[in-house]
Protein backbone atom coordinates (compact mmCIF):
# COMPACT_ATOMS: atom_id res chain seq x y z
CA MET A 1 135.41 194.37 162.90
CA LYS A 2 137.43 191.33 163.63
CA LEU A 3 135.60 188.09 164.40
CA THR A 4 136.62 186.02 167.29
CA GLU A 5 137.42 182.33 166.95
CA LYS A 6 134.05 181.40 168.43
CA GLN A 7 132.19 183.63 165.97
CA LYS A 8 134.13 182.12 163.05
CA LYS A 9 133.05 178.62 164.10
CA LEU A 10 129.40 179.74 164.23
CA VAL A 11 129.67 181.23 160.74
CA TRP A 12 131.13 177.97 159.36
CA VAL A 13 128.42 175.92 161.02
CA ALA A 14 125.67 178.18 159.68
CA GLY A 15 127.14 178.02 156.15
CA GLY A 16 127.29 174.23 156.27
CA VAL A 17 123.67 174.08 157.38
CA LEU A 18 122.61 176.35 154.49
CA VAL A 19 124.53 174.24 151.96
CA ALA A 20 122.99 171.02 153.32
CA ILE A 21 119.50 172.53 153.15
CA HIS A 22 120.11 173.63 149.55
CA TYR A 23 121.41 170.29 148.23
CA ALA A 24 119.39 167.94 150.43
CA PRO A 25 116.36 167.49 148.03
CA GLY A 26 118.60 166.53 145.10
CA ILE A 27 120.56 164.06 147.18
CA VAL A 28 117.35 162.47 148.50
CA ASN A 29 115.92 162.15 144.95
CA THR A 30 119.14 160.58 143.70
CA VAL A 31 119.12 158.05 146.51
CA ARG A 32 115.44 157.24 145.82
CA GLN A 33 116.11 156.72 142.08
CA GLN A 34 119.02 154.39 142.80
CA ILE A 35 116.90 152.38 145.24
CA ALA A 36 114.01 152.13 142.72
CA ALA A 37 116.38 151.06 139.92
CA TYR A 38 117.92 148.42 142.09
CA SER A 39 114.49 147.06 143.10
CA PHE A 40 113.31 146.91 139.43
CA ALA A 41 116.47 145.08 138.41
CA GLN A 42 115.93 142.51 141.14
CA ALA A 43 112.23 141.95 140.22
CA ARG A 44 112.76 141.65 136.42
CA PRO A 45 113.07 137.98 135.23
CA LEU A 46 116.29 136.92 133.68
CA PRO A 47 116.23 136.83 129.85
CA ASN A 48 115.72 133.38 128.30
CA PRO A 49 118.47 132.70 125.75
CA ALA A 50 116.10 130.47 123.76
CA ALA A 51 113.36 133.08 123.61
CA GLY A 52 112.90 134.58 120.18
CA ARG A 53 115.02 131.92 118.61
CA VAL A 54 113.25 130.55 115.49
CA SER A 55 113.55 126.82 115.00
CA SER A 56 115.13 125.91 111.70
CA ALA A 57 113.43 122.48 111.55
CA PRO A 58 110.46 122.43 109.08
CA PRO A 59 107.05 121.30 110.39
CA SER A 60 106.26 117.63 109.97
CA PRO A 61 103.95 116.98 106.97
CA ALA A 62 100.49 115.56 107.64
CA PRO A 63 100.32 111.81 107.00
CA PRO A 64 98.52 110.89 103.75
CA PRO A 65 95.04 109.40 104.09
CA PRO A 66 94.99 105.60 103.99
CA ALA A 67 94.24 104.03 100.62
CA PRO A 68 90.73 102.55 100.35
CA SER A 69 90.51 98.81 100.71
CA PRO A 70 89.21 96.62 97.83
CA GLU A 71 86.03 96.09 99.82
CA GLU A 72 85.52 99.86 100.14
CA ILE A 73 86.14 100.37 96.41
CA GLN A 74 83.69 97.61 95.61
CA ALA A 75 81.05 99.06 97.96
CA THR A 76 81.46 102.48 96.29
CA GLN A 77 80.99 100.98 92.82
CA LEU A 78 77.89 99.08 93.88
CA ALA A 79 76.40 102.11 95.61
CA ALA A 80 76.87 104.06 92.37
CA SER A 81 74.76 101.42 90.58
CA VAL A 82 71.57 102.83 92.05
CA GLY A 83 69.41 104.11 89.20
CA ILE A 84 67.48 102.97 86.13
CA TRP A 85 69.11 100.59 83.66
CA GLY A 86 67.95 99.14 80.38
CA GLY A 87 69.07 96.87 77.55
CA ALA A 88 67.91 94.64 74.71
CA VAL A 89 68.77 91.06 73.81
CA PRO A 90 67.38 88.57 71.23
CA ARG A 91 65.85 85.40 72.65
CA PRO A 92 64.84 82.18 70.90
CA ASN A 93 61.17 82.06 69.80
CA LEU A 94 60.60 85.48 71.44
CA GLY A 95 62.48 87.87 69.18
CA MET A 96 64.10 91.02 70.58
CA CYS A 97 63.37 91.47 74.28
CA GLN A 98 63.71 94.67 76.28
CA ILE A 99 64.66 94.47 79.95
CA ARG A 100 64.56 97.38 82.33
CA ILE A 101 65.65 97.35 85.98
CA GLU A 102 65.34 100.19 88.47
CA LEU A 103 67.67 99.73 91.42
CA LYS A 104 67.01 101.58 94.68
CA PRO A 105 68.39 101.52 98.23
CA ASN A 106 66.18 99.74 100.75
CA THR A 107 65.49 100.76 104.35
CA ASP A 108 65.71 97.08 105.31
CA LYS A 109 69.37 96.55 106.23
CA THR A 110 69.11 92.78 105.70
CA LEU A 111 68.16 93.45 102.05
CA PRO A 112 69.80 96.81 101.30
CA TYR A 113 68.70 96.90 97.65
CA LEU A 114 65.32 96.95 95.91
CA GLY A 115 64.85 96.09 92.25
CA TYR A 116 61.90 96.72 89.92
CA SER A 117 62.12 94.72 86.70
CA THR A 118 60.18 94.99 83.47
CA ILE A 119 60.63 92.68 80.48
CA SER A 120 58.77 92.53 77.17
CA CYS A 121 59.50 90.92 73.82
CA ALA A 122 58.59 91.76 70.23
CA ASN A 123 58.24 88.43 68.41
CA LEU A 124 58.10 89.31 64.71
CA LEU A 125 59.04 85.87 63.41
CA PRO A 126 55.45 84.89 62.49
CA PHE A 127 55.19 88.02 60.35
CA ARG A 128 58.23 87.43 58.16
CA PRO A 129 57.66 87.73 54.40
CA GLY A 130 56.32 84.46 53.00
CA GLN A 131 54.93 83.35 56.37
CA ARG A 132 51.22 82.70 56.68
CA THR A 133 49.72 84.43 59.68
CA ASN A 134 46.58 83.47 61.52
CA PRO A 135 44.69 84.88 64.50
CA ALA A 136 46.54 82.53 66.88
CA ASN A 137 49.93 83.83 65.77
CA VAL A 138 48.79 87.42 66.13
CA ASN A 139 47.40 86.72 69.59
CA ASP A 140 50.64 85.05 70.73
CA ALA A 141 52.71 87.97 69.44
CA MET A 142 50.52 90.42 71.32
CA LEU A 143 50.81 88.42 74.53
CA ASP A 144 54.60 88.26 74.17
CA ALA A 145 54.71 92.04 73.86
CA VAL A 146 52.83 92.62 77.13
CA PRO A 147 55.37 93.76 79.75
CA VAL A 148 55.68 91.61 82.87
CA ASN A 149 57.01 93.09 86.08
CA ALA A 150 58.48 91.97 89.37
CA ILE A 151 59.62 93.48 92.66
CA LEU A 152 62.87 92.06 93.99
CA GLY A 153 65.07 92.51 97.03
CA GLY A 154 68.69 91.61 97.54
CA ARG A 155 72.16 92.14 98.89
CA VAL A 156 75.80 92.11 97.81
CA VAL A 157 77.22 88.63 97.16
CA ASN A 158 80.76 88.11 95.81
CA GLY A 159 81.02 91.60 94.35
CA SER A 160 77.58 91.57 92.69
CA ILE A 161 74.07 92.55 93.71
CA GLU A 162 71.82 89.51 93.84
CA LEU A 163 68.08 90.18 93.75
CA LEU A 164 65.35 87.62 94.42
CA GLN A 165 61.71 88.04 93.48
CA ASP A 166 59.45 89.23 96.26
CA GLN A 167 56.34 89.82 94.17
CA ALA A 168 55.40 89.15 90.55
CA ILE A 169 53.13 91.52 88.62
CA GLY A 170 51.98 89.64 85.54
CA TYR A 171 53.36 86.61 83.70
CA THR A 172 54.23 85.73 80.14
CA ARG A 173 51.88 83.52 78.14
CA LYS A 174 53.97 80.58 79.37
CA GLY A 175 53.44 81.71 82.97
CA CYS A 176 56.99 82.99 83.55
CA ASN A 177 58.50 86.03 85.21
CA ILE A 178 61.92 87.04 86.51
CA ILE A 179 62.70 85.34 89.81
CA GLN A 180 66.40 86.24 90.18
CA VAL A 181 68.76 88.88 88.81
CA THR A 182 72.50 89.23 89.39
CA LEU A 183 73.93 92.68 88.62
CA THR A 184 77.69 93.13 88.21
CA PRO A 185 79.41 96.49 87.55
CA PHE A 186 81.18 96.52 84.19
CA ALA A 187 82.90 99.85 83.45
CA GLU A 188 80.02 102.29 82.92
CA HIS A 189 77.47 99.48 82.53
CA LEU A 190 75.88 96.66 84.49
CA GLY A 191 76.07 93.06 83.43
CA ALA A 192 72.76 91.36 84.21
CA THR A 193 72.10 87.65 84.43
CA TRP A 194 68.49 86.70 85.10
CA HIS A 195 66.44 83.57 85.60
CA GLU A 196 62.71 83.13 85.13
CA GLY A 197 60.27 80.90 86.94
CA THR A 198 56.61 80.12 87.40
CA LYS A 199 54.29 81.19 90.22
CA ASP A 200 55.41 78.25 92.38
CA TRP A 201 59.12 78.65 91.66
CA LYS A 202 59.95 78.45 95.38
CA ASP A 203 58.78 74.84 95.38
CA PRO A 204 61.85 72.75 94.44
CA ASN A 205 59.62 70.02 92.98
CA ALA A 206 57.57 72.36 90.77
CA PRO A 207 58.25 72.06 87.01
CA ASN A 208 59.99 75.06 85.51
CA ASP A 209 60.21 75.37 81.74
CA CYS A 210 61.03 79.07 81.87
CA GLY A 211 64.34 80.41 80.69
CA GLY A 212 66.62 83.31 81.41
CA GLY A 213 69.37 85.27 79.79
CA GLN A 214 72.20 87.73 79.98
CA VAL A 215 72.36 91.32 78.85
CA MET A 216 74.56 94.38 79.23
CA LEU A 217 72.57 97.22 80.73
CA SER A 218 73.18 100.93 80.22
CA ARG A 219 71.98 103.75 82.40
CA VAL A 220 68.65 105.13 81.18
CA LYS A 221 68.38 108.90 80.86
CA THR A 222 65.45 110.35 82.72
CA PHE A 223 63.86 113.71 82.02
């Protein structure tokens, strides 16, 4: 059977429709993928050339702490002087004398240090061989050996701790007790210079025949 020209055109049209129906889903998917890829490329930020680049410069070192001032060093040394100190020194007409000072911090900021002093002497001169002893000599030696105590308060003056008597507890047989002590750090020790006075030592017109002395104090071990 021979097809007419009109029938041939219909067959070609029908074949084209079938081919379009067959390949249409793939074409649509391809177009969608291209559109999605284009949209993603437009939304993605541009790469930063500096990103990921490691700086070759080393980090800056931390500045060293400032060196302590002489005043701070001095304050540290004096604060380390808190504790119990003791020493011995010979004194004219009194023999070997023991002095003991306990230094503590004070809650009173005007007088930041408290001192508790004890001093006693062992006068053995009247008991030397060939010396005649009598009850008076023995009594004087016993009185010299009785410890006398004082409570003192003070502050830092010119690199030392100066303590002034606040209260006396007992007096020597001459009526003396420590009225002032100056403590100066000396390596692992304390240099102490003290003065003694009578009960009315604060009166500038009162007679004062008491003495004083100097001694190097060492830290006393406590158990």
